[in-house]
Amino acid sequence: MSRHKFKVGQVVDYSPGRFGMAAVSREYKIVRLLPAEGGDNQYRIKSMAETFERIAKESQLSSRSEH
């Protein structure tokens, strides 16, 4: 398993993809690091615009500084 690219507290952009639940915002904060699934690290993320947390794969996230 590879190391997580993002850290707890980091703000990232989230793109759920075609089949994912629609996102209210693209900007999310990393809440917790989760184990990898299918070779892709996972994260628990939270938007200030939503009352719930989501689970996202690393491939669905990008650093805010990359934009």
N, C-alpha and C. Protein backbone atom coordinates (compact mmCIF):
# COMPACT_ATOMS: atom_id res chain seq x y z
N MET A 1 0.85 -1.18 0.00
CA MET A 1 0.00 0.00 0.00
C MET A 1 0.90 1.24 0.00
N SER A 2 0.55 2.23 -0.82
CA SER A 2 1.34 3.45 -0.89
C SER A 2 0.86 4.47 0.14
N ARG A 3 1.71 5.43 0.40
CA ARG A 3 1.37 6.48 1.37
C ARG A 3 0.28 7.38 0.81
N HIS A 4 -0.52 7.93 1.71
CA HIS A 4 -1.57 8.86 1.30
C HIS A 4 -0.93 10.15 0.78
N LYS A 5 -1.47 10.68 -0.28
CA LYS A 5 -0.99 11.92 -0.91
C LYS A 5 -1.41 13.15 -0.11
N PHE A 6 -2.59 13.09 0.53
CA PHE A 6 -3.15 14.23 1.25
C PHE A 6 -3.13 13.98 2.75
N LYS A 7 -3.16 15.06 3.52
CA LYS A 7 -3.09 14.99 4.98
C LYS A 7 -4.39 15.45 5.61
N VAL A 8 -4.64 14.98 6.83
CA VAL A 8 -5.82 15.42 7.59
C VAL A 8 -5.75 16.94 7.74
N GLY A 9 -6.87 17.61 7.49
CA GLY A 9 -6.95 19.06 7.58
C GLY A 9 -6.70 19.78 6.27
N GLN A 10 -6.14 19.08 5.29
CA GLN A 10 -5.86 19.69 3.99
C GLN A 10 -7.16 19.91 3.21
N VAL A 11 -7.25 21.03 2.50
CA VAL A 11 -8.42 21.33 1.67
C VAL A 11 -8.10 20.88 0.24
N VAL A 12 -9.02 20.11 -0.34
CA VAL A 12 -8.83 19.54 -1.67
C VAL A 12 -10.06 19.77 -2.53
N ASP A 13 -9.91 19.60 -3.83
CA ASP A 13 -11.04 19.60 -4.76
C ASP A 13 -11.51 18.16 -4.92
N TYR A 14 -12.81 17.96 -4.95
CA TYR A 14 -13.42 16.63 -5.07
C TYR A 14 -14.23 16.56 -6.35
N SER A 15 -13.96 15.55 -7.16
CA SER A 15 -14.72 15.29 -8.39
C SER A 15 -15.24 13.86 -8.30
N PRO A 16 -16.54 13.69 -7.96
CA PRO A 16 -17.07 12.36 -7.74
C PRO A 16 -17.18 11.47 -8.97
N GLY A 17 -17.12 12.03 -10.16
CA GLY A 17 -17.25 11.23 -11.37
C GLY A 17 -18.70 11.08 -11.78
N ARG A 18 -18.92 10.42 -12.89
CA ARG A 18 -20.27 10.27 -13.46
C ARG A 18 -21.26 9.57 -12.56
N PHE A 19 -20.80 8.53 -11.89
CA PHE A 19 -21.72 7.69 -11.14
C PHE A 19 -21.74 8.01 -9.65
N GLY A 20 -20.98 8.99 -9.22
CA GLY A 20 -20.94 9.37 -7.81
C GLY A 20 -22.09 10.29 -7.45
N MET A 21 -22.35 10.40 -6.16
CA MET A 21 -23.38 11.31 -5.66
C MET A 21 -22.96 12.75 -5.95
N ALA A 22 -23.84 13.55 -6.48
CA ALA A 22 -23.53 14.93 -6.84
C ALA A 22 -22.97 15.70 -5.65
N ALA A 23 -21.97 16.48 -5.91
CA ALA A 23 -21.33 17.27 -4.86
C ALA A 23 -21.86 18.70 -4.90
N VAL A 24 -22.17 19.25 -3.74
CA VAL A 24 -22.65 20.63 -3.63
C VAL A 24 -21.50 21.59 -3.93
N SER A 25 -20.33 21.24 -3.45
CA SER A 25 -19.15 22.07 -3.58
C SER A 25 -18.02 21.20 -4.08
N ARG A 26 -17.01 21.79 -4.66
CA ARG A 26 -15.82 21.02 -5.04
C ARG A 26 -14.81 21.04 -3.91
N GLU A 27 -14.91 21.98 -3.00
CA GLU A 27 -13.91 22.17 -1.95
C GLU A 27 -14.28 21.37 -0.69
N TYR A 28 -13.40 20.46 -0.32
CA TYR A 28 -13.62 19.58 0.83
C TYR A 28 -12.37 19.55 1.70
N LYS A 29 -12.57 19.26 2.97
CA LYS A 29 -11.46 19.12 3.90
C LYS A 29 -11.28 17.64 4.22
N ILE A 30 -10.02 17.18 4.26
CA ILE A 30 -9.72 15.81 4.64
C ILE A 30 -9.95 15.66 6.14
N VAL A 31 -10.83 14.74 6.52
CA VAL A 31 -11.18 14.52 7.92
C VAL A 31 -10.40 13.34 8.50
N ARG A 32 -10.23 12.29 7.69
CA ARG A 32 -9.55 11.09 8.18
C ARG A 32 -8.96 10.31 7.01
N LEU A 33 -7.82 9.66 7.24
CA LEU A 33 -7.22 8.77 6.25
C LEU A 33 -7.82 7.39 6.44
N LEU A 34 -8.18 6.74 5.35
CA LEU A 34 -8.78 5.41 5.39
C LEU A 34 -7.90 4.43 4.62
N PRO A 35 -8.07 3.13 4.86
CA PRO A 35 -7.29 2.13 4.13
C PRO A 35 -7.62 2.15 2.63
N ALA A 36 -6.67 1.68 1.85
CA ALA A 36 -6.85 1.61 0.39
C ALA A 36 -7.88 0.55 0.03
N GLU A 37 -8.55 0.78 -1.09
CA GLU A 37 -9.48 -0.21 -1.64
C GLU A 37 -9.20 -0.32 -3.13
N GLY A 38 -8.88 -1.50 -3.58
CA GLY A 38 -8.57 -1.69 -4.99
C GLY A 38 -7.34 -0.93 -5.43
N GLY A 39 -6.38 -0.74 -4.53
CA GLY A 39 -5.14 -0.05 -4.86
C GLY A 39 -5.23 1.46 -4.83
N ASP A 40 -6.38 2.01 -4.44
CA ASP A 40 -6.59 3.46 -4.40
C ASP A 40 -6.82 3.88 -2.94
N ASN A 41 -5.94 4.73 -2.40
CA ASN A 41 -6.13 5.22 -1.03
C ASN A 41 -7.48 5.91 -0.91
N GLN A 42 -8.06 5.84 0.29
CA GLN A 42 -9.36 6.47 0.53
C GLN A 42 -9.27 7.47 1.67
N TYR A 43 -10.23 8.41 1.66
CA TYR A 43 -10.28 9.48 2.65
C TYR A 43 -11.72 9.72 3.07
N ARG A 44 -11.89 10.17 4.29
CA ARG A 44 -13.19 10.69 4.72
C ARG A 44 -13.06 12.20 4.54
N ILE A 45 -14.01 12.81 3.80
CA ILE A 45 -13.95 14.23 3.50
C ILE A 45 -15.24 14.92 3.93
N LYS A 46 -15.16 16.24 4.12
CA LYS A 46 -16.33 17.01 4.59
C LYS A 46 -16.30 18.38 3.93
N SER A 47 -17.48 18.78 3.43
CA SER A 47 -17.67 20.13 2.89
C SER A 47 -18.38 20.97 3.94
N MET A 48 -18.04 22.23 4.02
CA MET A 48 -18.73 23.13 4.94
C MET A 48 -20.18 23.34 4.50
N ALA A 49 -20.49 23.05 3.24
CA ALA A 49 -21.84 23.24 2.70
C ALA A 49 -22.75 22.03 2.92
N GLU A 50 -22.21 20.95 3.50
CA GLU A 50 -22.99 19.74 3.71
C GLU A 50 -22.96 19.33 5.17
N THR A 51 -23.98 18.61 5.60
CA THR A 51 -24.07 18.19 7.00
C THR A 51 -23.50 16.80 7.23
N PHE A 52 -23.01 16.16 6.18
CA PHE A 52 -22.50 14.79 6.29
C PHE A 52 -21.10 14.69 5.70
N GLU A 53 -20.43 13.58 6.01
CA GLU A 53 -19.12 13.30 5.46
C GLU A 53 -19.25 12.32 4.31
N ARG A 54 -18.26 12.32 3.44
CA ARG A 54 -18.22 11.40 2.30
C ARG A 54 -16.94 10.58 2.37
N ILE A 55 -16.93 9.47 1.67
CA ILE A 55 -15.71 8.70 1.47
C ILE A 55 -15.30 8.90 0.02
N ALA A 56 -14.05 9.28 -0.19
CA ALA A 56 -13.56 9.55 -1.54
C ALA A 56 -12.26 8.79 -1.78
N LYS A 57 -12.07 8.36 -3.01
CA LYS A 57 -10.81 7.73 -3.41
C LYS A 57 -9.82 8.82 -3.78
N GLU A 58 -8.55 8.51 -3.60
CA GLU A 58 -7.51 9.48 -3.90
C GLU A 58 -7.59 9.96 -5.35
N SER A 59 -7.99 9.08 -6.25
CA SER A 59 -8.10 9.45 -7.67
C SER A 59 -9.21 10.47 -7.93
N GLN A 60 -10.12 10.67 -6.97
CA GLN A 60 -11.21 11.65 -7.10
C GLN A 60 -10.83 13.01 -6.51
N LEU A 61 -9.65 13.10 -5.92
CA LEU A 61 -9.23 14.32 -5.23
C LEU A 61 -8.04 14.96 -5.93
N SER A 62 -7.96 16.27 -5.83
CA SER A 62 -6.78 16.99 -6.32
C SER A 62 -6.47 18.14 -5.37
N SER A 63 -5.21 18.48 -5.33
CA SER A 63 -4.75 19.56 -4.46
C SER A 63 -5.28 20.90 -4.95
N ARG A 64 -5.66 21.78 -4.03
CA ARG A 64 -6.14 23.11 -4.40
C ARG A 64 -5.07 23.89 -5.15
N SER A 65 -3.81 23.63 -4.89
CA SER A 65 -2.72 24.37 -5.54
C SER A 65 -2.49 23.92 -6.98
N GLU A 66 -3.11 22.80 -7.39
CA GLU A 66 -2.96 22.30 -8.76
C GLU A 66 -3.84 23.05 -9.74
N HIS A 67 -4.73 23.93 -9.24
CA HIS A 67 -5.69 24.62 -10.12
C HIS A 67 -5.27 26.04 -10.37
